[in-house]
Structures are given as C-alpha cells and as structure tokens.
Amino acid sequence: MADGSREFEAIAEHYGTHELTEDEITAAEPGEQVAAESVMISTSLRLPKPVMDEVRRRARERGVEPTAVMREWIQAAIADVDQPVPLSVITAAVAEYQHRRAS
C-alpha cells in the first residue's frame, strides 16, 4: 500500500504543476469528452499576510474555503461582460456591502 501511496503523491505533484493537454483531457474517460472548462488546475499563489487574513475572514463569514472565494473573484475579474455574473459572486458582493454598511 505504501508504494501506491507514493505513486499517488507523485501523480498529484505532477498534475499540481502541469496543465493537461487537449488530448489528455479528451482521453480522460474513454468515449467521453471532458470540457476544458471543467478541468481544475492547482496553482501556488503568494499573498501578503494581511491580504490572506482578509480573504480567510471573508471566507469564514460565508462558510466557504478561502480558495473558493479567491476562485470566484478571479473568475469574476476575467468574466466576459456578455456572460451572466455567477450568483455566488453577487451574493458575496451583497454580503460585503451589508457588512460595510453595518460597520
């Protein structure tokens, strides 16, 4: 079992730092294509401590993980203006607005 664990860790490390090619994505499940938009890529991000503290605080308020909040913000920042804004982004904006008004 230890060998399988090491193999799994090696695979996880590789795909944590490498994106899949289009061929790898389409071959993920035989006979079934995976949309590139549904493939999640892990990345490392360095932020100043006060910024990350604020991200964690906002995530705690919403009951989600900090990475979920950051993913929403990044997606909203690069979203096509002709596409609808995700409900989670709108909800987060409303919660932040209400919090600021209450302060």
Protein backbone atom coordinates (compact mmCIF):
# COMPACT_ATOMS: atom_id res chain seq x y z
CA MET A 1 0.00 0.00 0.00
CA ALA A 2 2.89 2.34 0.69
CA ASP A 3 4.03 2.02 -2.94
CA GLY A 4 0.57 3.01 -4.15
CA SER A 5 0.59 5.99 -1.84
CA ARG A 6 3.96 7.18 -3.19
CA GLU A 7 2.71 6.73 -6.74
CA PHE A 8 -0.43 8.72 -5.95
CA GLU A 9 1.64 11.53 -4.41
CA ALA A 10 3.90 11.64 -7.47
CA ILE A 11 0.88 11.87 -9.78
CA ALA A 12 -0.71 14.57 -7.61
CA GLU A 13 2.53 16.57 -7.57
CA HIS A 14 2.86 16.32 -11.36
CA TYR A 15 -0.69 17.45 -12.10
CA GLY A 16 -0.49 20.14 -9.43
CA THR A 17 2.16 21.86 -11.53
CA HIS A 18 1.30 20.81 -15.11
CA GLU A 19 -1.76 21.52 -17.18
CA LEU A 20 -3.34 18.75 -19.22
CA THR A 21 -3.07 18.85 -22.98
CA GLU A 22 -6.24 18.80 -25.05
CA ASP A 23 -5.52 15.15 -25.95
CA GLU A 24 -5.16 14.22 -22.26
CA ILE A 25 -8.42 15.96 -21.42
CA THR A 26 -10.39 14.24 -24.17
CA ALA A 27 -8.85 10.88 -23.30
CA ALA A 28 -9.63 11.18 -19.57
CA GLU A 29 -12.63 8.84 -19.86
CA PRO A 30 -12.75 6.51 -22.85
CA GLY A 31 -15.59 7.51 -25.13
CA GLU A 32 -16.42 10.58 -23.04
CA GLN A 33 -15.04 14.07 -23.63
CA VAL A 34 -14.27 16.40 -20.74
CA ALA A 35 -14.77 20.11 -21.34
CA ALA A 36 -11.59 22.07 -20.70
CA GLU A 37 -13.62 24.45 -18.50
CA SER A 38 -14.35 21.62 -16.06
CA VAL A 39 -10.70 20.68 -15.53
CA MET A 40 -9.34 22.32 -12.38
CA ILE A 41 -5.68 23.31 -12.25
CA SER A 42 -3.94 23.80 -8.94
CA THR A 43 -1.55 26.71 -8.57
CA SER A 44 0.51 28.35 -5.88
CA LEU A 45 -0.10 31.99 -5.03
CA ARG A 46 1.90 34.23 -2.71
CA LEU A 47 -0.07 36.98 -0.99
CA PRO A 48 0.87 39.44 1.74
CA LYS A 49 -0.26 38.13 5.15
CA PRO A 50 -2.81 40.94 5.72
CA VAL A 51 -4.43 40.19 2.35
CA MET A 52 -4.68 36.46 3.07
CA ASP A 53 -6.02 37.19 6.55
CA GLU A 54 -8.80 39.24 4.95
CA VAL A 55 -9.53 36.50 2.41
CA ARG A 56 -9.82 33.98 5.25
CA ARG A 57 -12.08 36.32 7.25
CA ARG A 58 -14.42 36.81 4.31
CA ALA A 59 -14.46 33.09 3.58
CA ARG A 60 -15.29 32.32 7.22
CA GLU A 61 -18.20 34.79 7.09
CA ARG A 62 -19.60 32.93 4.10
CA GLY A 63 -18.82 29.46 5.43
CA VAL A 64 -16.59 28.51 2.50
CA GLU A 65 -12.91 27.80 1.96
CA PRO A 66 -10.59 30.72 1.13
CA THR A 67 -9.74 29.10 -2.20
CA ALA A 68 -13.42 29.14 -3.17
CA VAL A 69 -13.58 32.90 -2.53
CA MET A 70 -10.39 33.55 -4.49
CA ARG A 71 -11.62 31.38 -7.39
CA GLU A 72 -14.88 33.38 -7.54
CA TRP A 73 -13.04 36.70 -7.50
CA ILE A 74 -10.64 35.64 -10.25
CA GLN A 75 -13.44 34.23 -12.39
CA ALA A 76 -15.47 37.42 -11.92
CA ALA A 77 -12.45 39.57 -12.80
CA ILE A 78 -11.91 37.82 -16.14
CA ALA A 79 -15.55 37.09 -16.96
CA ASP A 80 -16.90 38.05 -20.33
CA VAL A 81 -19.06 41.14 -19.90
CA ASP A 82 -21.74 39.49 -22.03
CA GLN A 83 -21.91 36.48 -19.68
CA PRO A 84 -24.11 36.50 -16.56
CA VAL A 85 -22.36 37.06 -13.23
CA PRO A 86 -22.43 33.88 -11.08
CA LEU A 87 -24.97 34.06 -8.25
CA SER A 88 -22.25 33.28 -5.70
CA VAL A 89 -20.35 36.42 -6.76
CA ILE A 90 -23.49 38.54 -6.45
CA THR A 91 -24.27 37.04 -3.05
CA ALA A 92 -20.73 37.72 -1.84
CA ALA A 93 -20.92 41.32 -3.06
CA VAL A 94 -24.24 41.87 -1.27
CA ALA A 95 -22.87 40.37 1.95
CA GLU A 96 -19.79 42.60 1.76
CA TYR A 97 -21.93 45.67 1.07
CA GLN A 98 -24.19 44.89 4.04
CA HIS A 99 -21.18 44.30 6.27
CA ARG A 100 -19.66 47.65 5.31
CA ARG A 101 -22.94 49.50 5.92
CA ALA A 102 -23.26 47.89 9.36
CA SER A 103 -19.71 48.92 10.35
